[in-house]
Amino acid sequence: MDVFPAFFPLAGRKVVVAGEGEAAEAKARLFDGSPAILVRLEGHEAFLPGSYAGAVLAFIAGDELFVQAAAGAARAARALVNVVDRPLMSDFHTPAVIDRGEVVAAVGTTGSAPMLASLIRNAIEARVPEGAGKVAALLRKHQEAVRTALPDLTQRRTFLREILSSPAAEAAMAGDAETASRLLTEALERGGQAAGRVRFVAGRGPADLITLRAGRVLAEADVIVVPSGVEPGILAMARRDAGRLTPAEAGPDALIALANGGRQVAYLVTAPLDPHDLKALAEAGVAIEVLLAAPNP
């Protein structure tokens, strides 16, 4: 990882855009509808450190003399500086942004290929529902209640995962915040206990042919079973904090215990499944899903 991505809270924070023209206008549009205090600077005013006092970020666009003077003034005021189209003069790079309110995703290329970042952004944006920010707002509203009711991290994570595909999330996306809150509260009062599952995912690859559903399974799993021969690109789709087991450690008894404990298990498959193991899981009442078929290239 050549750069570290970070998100700056904007509520009540000062952001400065210095310069004129389309480049400056484009930076200013990034903050349309945000709670930031946006300040526009032009001319000699942009060369005064006092103009940037209290600013957390400064975006500067213009000719060489303008950006040199304005960047120096902004840094003197301890603002972080982005100089448009001059990555070597910048303290940070502006990513391609997906804005869903409280859900924000960003794609960056360290300033080297902004068009590539935009293409990737477009591909991701199509998969992020418009109402995703409303679901995030629902979870933020009930964050402390969930933490109090479910102090165990694994149990809390399982509950939140189930909520994301529940009627509560559907109500939030539809804009019915009152119903969403009521449904989430009712689910929490039931103890937040969710059933564990064991899902078998094709592990040989190629990674770019894995189905969207299988990719989501890997992203959600609490435990990953990793045999030899797994395609590294597929394994990279799993959460980094997920537990890892070898097939020798993940026999039927171990899988049953994990599922009964509410864990989501993704078993990467690189060899034929043992039907006796599947039968043992089914007889124990464990929910099983097999995702081995890959789409045609």
Protein backbone atom coordinates (compact mmCIF):
# COMPACT_ATOMS: atom_id res chain seq x y z
CA MET A 1 0.00 0.00 0.00
CA ASP A 2 1.75 3.14 -1.24
CA VAL A 3 -0.67 5.59 0.41
CA PHE A 4 -2.96 5.44 3.42
CA PRO A 5 -6.60 6.40 2.80
CA ALA A 6 -8.28 8.46 5.50
CA PHE A 7 -11.63 10.23 5.97
CA PHE A 8 -11.84 13.72 7.45
CA PRO A 9 -15.01 14.67 9.38
CA LEU A 10 -16.43 17.79 7.73
CA ALA A 11 -19.09 19.04 10.14
CA GLY A 12 -18.09 22.58 11.09
CA ARG A 13 -14.64 22.22 9.49
CA LYS A 14 -13.22 24.90 7.20
CA VAL A 15 -12.23 23.90 3.66
CA VAL A 16 -10.61 26.41 1.30
CA VAL A 17 -10.67 26.37 -2.50
CA ALA A 18 -8.23 28.91 -3.94
CA GLY A 19 -8.19 29.88 -7.61
CA GLU A 20 -10.53 30.42 -10.54
CA GLY A 21 -11.74 28.41 -13.50
CA GLU A 22 -13.21 24.96 -14.01
CA ALA A 23 -10.57 23.15 -11.94
CA ALA A 24 -11.40 25.25 -8.87
CA GLU A 25 -15.14 24.90 -9.52
CA ALA A 26 -14.80 21.11 -9.71
CA LYS A 27 -13.11 21.00 -6.31
CA ALA A 28 -15.80 23.23 -4.81
CA ARG A 29 -18.53 20.93 -6.16
CA LEU A 30 -17.06 18.08 -4.15
CA PHE A 31 -18.48 19.77 -1.06
CA ASP A 32 -22.00 20.46 -2.34
CA GLY A 33 -24.40 19.41 0.39
CA SER A 34 -21.63 18.72 2.90
CA PRO A 35 -21.57 20.24 6.42
CA ALA A 36 -18.16 21.82 5.75
CA ILE A 37 -17.60 25.57 5.84
CA LEU A 38 -16.41 26.20 2.28
CA VAL A 39 -14.32 29.33 1.65
CA ARG A 40 -13.42 30.52 -1.88
CA LEU A 41 -10.29 32.61 -2.40
CA GLU A 42 -9.15 34.51 -5.48
CA GLY A 43 -6.34 36.89 -6.30
CA HIS A 44 -4.03 38.36 -3.67
CA GLU A 45 -6.25 37.07 -0.83
CA ALA A 46 -5.05 33.55 -1.65
CA PHE A 47 -1.46 34.53 -0.81
CA LEU A 48 -2.19 35.46 2.82
CA PRO A 49 -1.72 32.76 5.51
CA GLY A 50 -4.53 34.35 7.51
CA SER A 51 -6.98 33.46 4.76
CA TYR A 52 -6.44 29.80 5.58
CA ALA A 53 -6.57 30.12 9.38
CA GLY A 54 -8.43 27.17 10.87
CA ALA A 55 -8.72 25.33 7.55
CA VAL A 56 -8.21 21.58 7.58
CA LEU A 57 -7.92 21.21 3.80
CA ALA A 58 -6.94 23.58 1.00
CA PHE A 59 -7.41 22.97 -2.73
CA ILE A 60 -5.44 25.23 -5.05
CA ALA A 61 -5.80 25.66 -8.81
CA GLY A 62 -4.03 28.10 -11.11
CA ASP A 63 -0.78 28.86 -12.90
CA GLU A 64 2.64 28.08 -11.49
CA LEU A 65 3.19 31.38 -9.69
CA PHE A 66 -0.29 31.35 -8.18
CA VAL A 67 -0.12 27.80 -6.82
CA GLN A 68 3.40 28.27 -5.44
CA ALA A 69 2.38 31.34 -3.45
CA ALA A 70 -1.02 30.00 -2.38
CA ALA A 71 0.35 26.60 -1.33
CA GLY A 72 3.02 28.27 0.78
CA ALA A 73 0.42 30.45 2.51
CA ALA A 74 -1.87 27.48 3.19
CA ARG A 75 0.94 25.40 4.65
CA ALA A 76 2.00 28.34 6.83
CA ALA A 77 -1.52 28.14 8.30
CA ARG A 78 -1.05 24.37 8.86
CA ALA A 79 -3.63 23.31 6.29
CA LEU A 80 -3.14 20.18 4.21
CA VAL A 81 -2.76 21.15 0.56
CA ASN A 82 -3.91 19.64 -2.73
CA VAL A 83 -2.60 21.41 -5.83
CA VAL A 84 -4.74 20.44 -8.81
CA ASP A 85 -2.86 18.37 -11.42
CA ARG A 86 0.42 18.68 -9.51
CA PRO A 87 0.71 15.57 -7.31
CA LEU A 88 4.32 16.28 -6.37
CA MET A 89 3.27 19.60 -4.84
CA SER A 90 0.37 18.06 -2.90
CA ASP A 91 0.13 16.75 0.65
CA PHE A 92 -2.78 14.51 -0.37
CA HIS A 93 -4.52 13.38 -3.55
CA THR A 94 -8.21 13.81 -4.33
CA PRO A 95 -9.85 10.42 -4.96
CA ALA A 96 -12.80 9.55 -7.17
CA VAL A 97 -15.67 9.68 -4.68
CA ILE A 98 -18.90 7.72 -4.32
CA ASP A 99 -21.21 9.81 -2.14
CA ARG A 100 -24.15 8.13 -0.43
CA GLY A 101 -24.41 10.52 2.52
CA GLU A 102 -23.07 8.67 5.55
CA VAL A 103 -21.58 6.04 3.25
CA VAL A 104 -18.62 7.36 1.28
CA ALA A 105 -16.28 5.28 -0.87
CA ALA A 106 -13.17 6.59 -2.56
CA VAL A 107 -10.79 5.25 -5.21
CA GLY A 108 -7.31 6.69 -5.59
CA THR A 109 -4.29 6.05 -7.78
CA THR A 110 -1.77 8.19 -5.84
CA GLY A 111 -2.48 10.97 -8.31
CA SER A 112 -0.99 9.06 -11.24
CA ALA A 113 -4.10 7.96 -13.15
CA PRO A 114 -7.27 9.87 -12.18
CA MET A 115 -9.17 8.58 -15.22
CA LEU A 116 -8.55 5.00 -14.08
CA ALA A 117 -9.84 5.93 -10.63
CA SER A 118 -12.99 7.34 -12.24
CA LEU A 119 -13.59 4.14 -14.22
CA ILE A 120 -13.21 2.01 -11.10
CA ARG A 121 -15.47 4.40 -9.20
CA ASN A 122 -18.18 3.99 -11.81
CA ALA A 123 -18.00 0.20 -11.55
CA ILE A 124 -18.30 0.30 -7.75
CA GLU A 125 -20.98 3.00 -7.72
CA ALA A 126 -23.39 0.77 -9.64
CA ARG A 127 -23.25 -1.71 -6.75
CA VAL A 128 -23.80 0.77 -3.91
CA PRO A 129 -27.55 1.38 -3.34
CA GLU A 130 -28.74 4.98 -3.19
CA GLY A 131 -30.18 4.32 0.28
CA ALA A 132 -26.95 2.94 1.74
CA GLY A 133 -26.34 6.17 3.66
CA LYS A 134 -29.76 5.90 5.31
CA VAL A 135 -28.88 2.41 6.56
CA ALA A 136 -25.62 3.79 7.97
CA ALA A 137 -27.59 6.55 9.71
CA LEU A 138 -29.87 3.92 11.25
CA LEU A 139 -26.92 1.95 12.60
CA ARG A 140 -25.25 5.09 13.95
CA LYS A 141 -28.45 6.05 15.79
CA HIS A 142 -28.57 2.66 17.54
CA GLN A 143 -24.82 2.10 17.86
CA GLU A 144 -24.62 2.47 21.63
CA ALA A 145 -27.75 0.38 22.21
CA VAL A 146 -26.30 -2.43 20.10
CA ARG A 147 -22.94 -2.25 21.89
CA THR A 148 -24.65 -2.38 25.28
CA ALA A 149 -26.97 -5.26 24.39
CA LEU A 150 -24.28 -7.26 22.57
CA PRO A 151 -20.90 -6.68 24.21
CA ASP A 152 -19.39 -9.75 22.53
CA LEU A 153 -17.74 -8.59 19.26
CA THR A 154 -18.53 -11.75 17.29
CA GLN A 155 -22.18 -11.75 18.34
CA ARG A 156 -22.48 -8.05 17.60
CA ARG A 157 -20.91 -8.44 14.17
CA THR A 158 -23.25 -11.31 13.34
CA PHE A 159 -26.27 -9.26 14.42
CA LEU A 160 -25.24 -6.28 12.32
CA ARG A 161 -24.63 -8.50 9.30
CA GLU A 162 -28.14 -9.90 9.58
CA ILE A 163 -29.60 -6.40 9.99
CA LEU A 164 -28.04 -5.29 6.71
CA SER A 165 -30.26 -7.73 4.81
CA SER A 166 -33.31 -7.42 7.07
CA PRO A 167 -36.65 -5.58 6.82
CA ALA A 168 -35.13 -2.88 9.04
CA ALA A 169 -32.54 -2.07 6.37
CA GLU A 170 -35.18 -2.20 3.65
CA ALA A 171 -37.32 0.31 5.55
CA ALA A 172 -34.31 2.60 6.02
CA MET A 173 -33.48 2.51 2.31
CA ALA A 174 -37.09 3.36 1.53
CA GLY A 175 -36.84 6.43 3.75
CA ASP A 176 -39.06 5.11 6.56
CA ALA A 177 -36.73 5.85 9.46
CA GLU A 178 -39.40 5.31 12.14
CA THR A 179 -40.23 1.77 10.97
CA ALA A 180 -36.56 0.97 10.51
CA SER A 181 -35.77 1.98 14.10
CA ARG A 182 -38.69 -0.03 15.46
CA LEU A 183 -37.69 -3.17 13.56
CA LEU A 184 -34.05 -2.91 14.62
CA THR A 185 -35.06 -2.40 18.25
CA GLU A 186 -37.35 -5.43 18.12
CA ALA A 187 -34.55 -7.55 16.67
CA LEU A 188 -32.23 -6.38 19.43
CA GLU A 189 -34.80 -7.22 22.09
CA ARG A 190 -34.90 -10.78 20.75
CA GLY A 191 -31.26 -11.10 21.72
CA GLY A 192 -29.65 -10.54 18.35
CA GLN A 193 -28.95 -14.22 17.95
CA ALA A 194 -28.47 -15.25 14.33
CA ALA A 195 -27.95 -18.71 12.91
CA GLY A 196 -24.50 -19.62 11.70
CA ARG A 197 -23.89 -20.99 8.23
CA VAL A 198 -21.27 -22.94 6.31
CA ARG A 199 -20.89 -21.94 2.70
CA PHE A 200 -18.60 -23.66 0.22
CA VAL A 201 -16.94 -21.38 -2.32
CA ALA A 202 -14.86 -22.34 -5.37
CA GLY A 203 -11.27 -21.56 -4.43
CA ARG A 204 -9.22 -22.39 -7.51
CA GLY A 205 -10.12 -19.28 -9.47
CA PRO A 206 -9.54 -17.39 -11.60
CA ALA A 207 -10.54 -14.67 -9.17
CA ASP A 208 -12.11 -12.41 -11.79
CA LEU A 209 -14.72 -15.08 -12.58
CA ILE A 210 -15.98 -15.50 -9.03
CA THR A 211 -19.68 -14.67 -8.67
CA LEU A 212 -20.84 -11.53 -6.85
CA ARG A 213 -22.59 -13.72 -4.28
CA ALA A 214 -19.46 -15.74 -3.58
CA GLY A 215 -17.47 -12.52 -3.20
CA ARG A 216 -20.00 -11.25 -0.66
CA VAL A 217 -19.79 -14.54 1.26
CA LEU A 218 -16.03 -14.12 1.58
CA ALA A 219 -16.41 -10.51 2.70
CA GLU A 220 -18.93 -11.51 5.39
CA ALA A 221 -17.27 -14.66 6.75
CA ASP A 222 -16.04 -14.81 10.34
CA VAL A 223 -13.96 -17.91 9.59
CA ILE A 224 -12.26 -18.99 6.33
CA VAL A 225 -11.19 -22.59 5.71
CA VAL A 226 -8.14 -22.46 3.45
CA PRO A 227 -6.89 -25.66 1.76
CA SER A 228 -3.82 -25.87 -0.46
CA GLY A 229 -4.24 -24.66 -4.02
CA VAL A 230 -6.41 -21.64 -3.27
CA GLU A 231 -6.14 -18.79 -5.79
CA PRO A 232 -4.49 -15.87 -3.89
CA GLY A 233 -6.84 -13.37 -5.56
CA ILE A 234 -9.87 -15.18 -4.14
CA LEU A 235 -8.39 -15.34 -0.65
CA ALA A 236 -7.71 -11.59 -0.86
CA MET A 237 -11.48 -11.00 -1.05
CA ALA A 238 -11.92 -12.30 2.51
CA ARG A 239 -11.84 -10.01 5.54
CA ARG A 240 -8.35 -9.70 6.92
CA ASP A 241 -9.61 -10.14 10.47
CA ALA A 242 -11.45 -13.39 9.69
CA GLY A 243 -10.19 -16.51 11.43
CA ARG A 244 -8.25 -18.98 9.28
CA LEU A 245 -8.46 -22.77 9.56
CA THR A 246 -6.92 -25.62 7.61
CA PRO A 247 -9.16 -28.45 6.38
CA ALA A 248 -7.65 -30.69 9.10
CA GLU A 249 -8.91 -28.22 11.71
CA ALA A 250 -12.32 -27.87 10.06
CA GLY A 251 -13.87 -31.31 10.25
CA PRO A 252 -17.66 -31.72 10.54
CA ASP A 253 -17.66 -31.45 14.34
CA ALA A 254 -15.69 -28.19 14.26
CA LEU A 255 -17.92 -26.72 11.54
CA ILE A 256 -21.06 -27.69 13.45
CA ALA A 257 -19.72 -26.02 16.59
CA LEU A 258 -18.88 -22.84 14.68
CA ALA A 259 -22.30 -22.68 13.05
CA ASN A 260 -24.09 -23.35 16.34
CA GLY A 261 -22.11 -20.44 17.79
CA GLY A 262 -23.50 -18.11 15.13
CA ARG A 263 -20.34 -17.99 13.02
CA GLN A 264 -20.39 -17.48 9.27
CA VAL A 265 -17.94 -19.95 7.71
CA ALA A 266 -16.61 -19.79 4.15
CA TYR A 267 -14.96 -23.05 3.09
CA LEU A 268 -12.78 -22.56 0.02
CA VAL A 269 -12.95 -25.67 -2.16
CA THR A 270 -10.07 -26.89 -4.32
CA ALA A 271 -10.98 -30.61 -4.39
CA PRO A 272 -14.23 -32.61 -4.58
CA LEU A 273 -16.41 -32.25 -1.48
CA ASP A 274 -16.83 -35.25 0.78
CA PRO A 275 -20.57 -36.12 0.69
CA HIS A 276 -20.30 -37.70 4.17
CA ASP A 277 -19.19 -34.36 5.60
CA LEU A 278 -22.09 -32.56 3.92
CA LYS A 279 -24.50 -35.16 5.25
CA ALA A 280 -23.15 -34.72 8.79
CA LEU A 281 -23.66 -30.96 8.61
CA ALA A 282 -27.19 -31.34 7.23
CA GLU A 283 -28.17 -33.90 9.89
CA ALA A 284 -26.94 -31.48 12.57
CA GLY A 285 -29.27 -28.81 11.20
CA VAL A 286 -26.49 -26.56 9.91
CA ALA A 287 -27.47 -24.24 7.07
CA ILE A 288 -25.31 -25.06 4.04
CA GLU A 289 -24.81 -23.27 0.75
CA VAL A 290 -22.64 -24.51 -2.11
CA LEU A 291 -21.27 -21.84 -4.48
CA LEU A 292 -18.97 -23.79 -6.74
CA ALA A 293 -20.23 -22.96 -10.22
CA ALA A 294 -18.34 -20.19 -11.99
CA PRO A 295 -19.92 -18.12 -14.74
CA ASN A 296 -18.82 -18.64 -18.31
CA PRO A 297 -15.97 -16.32 -19.30
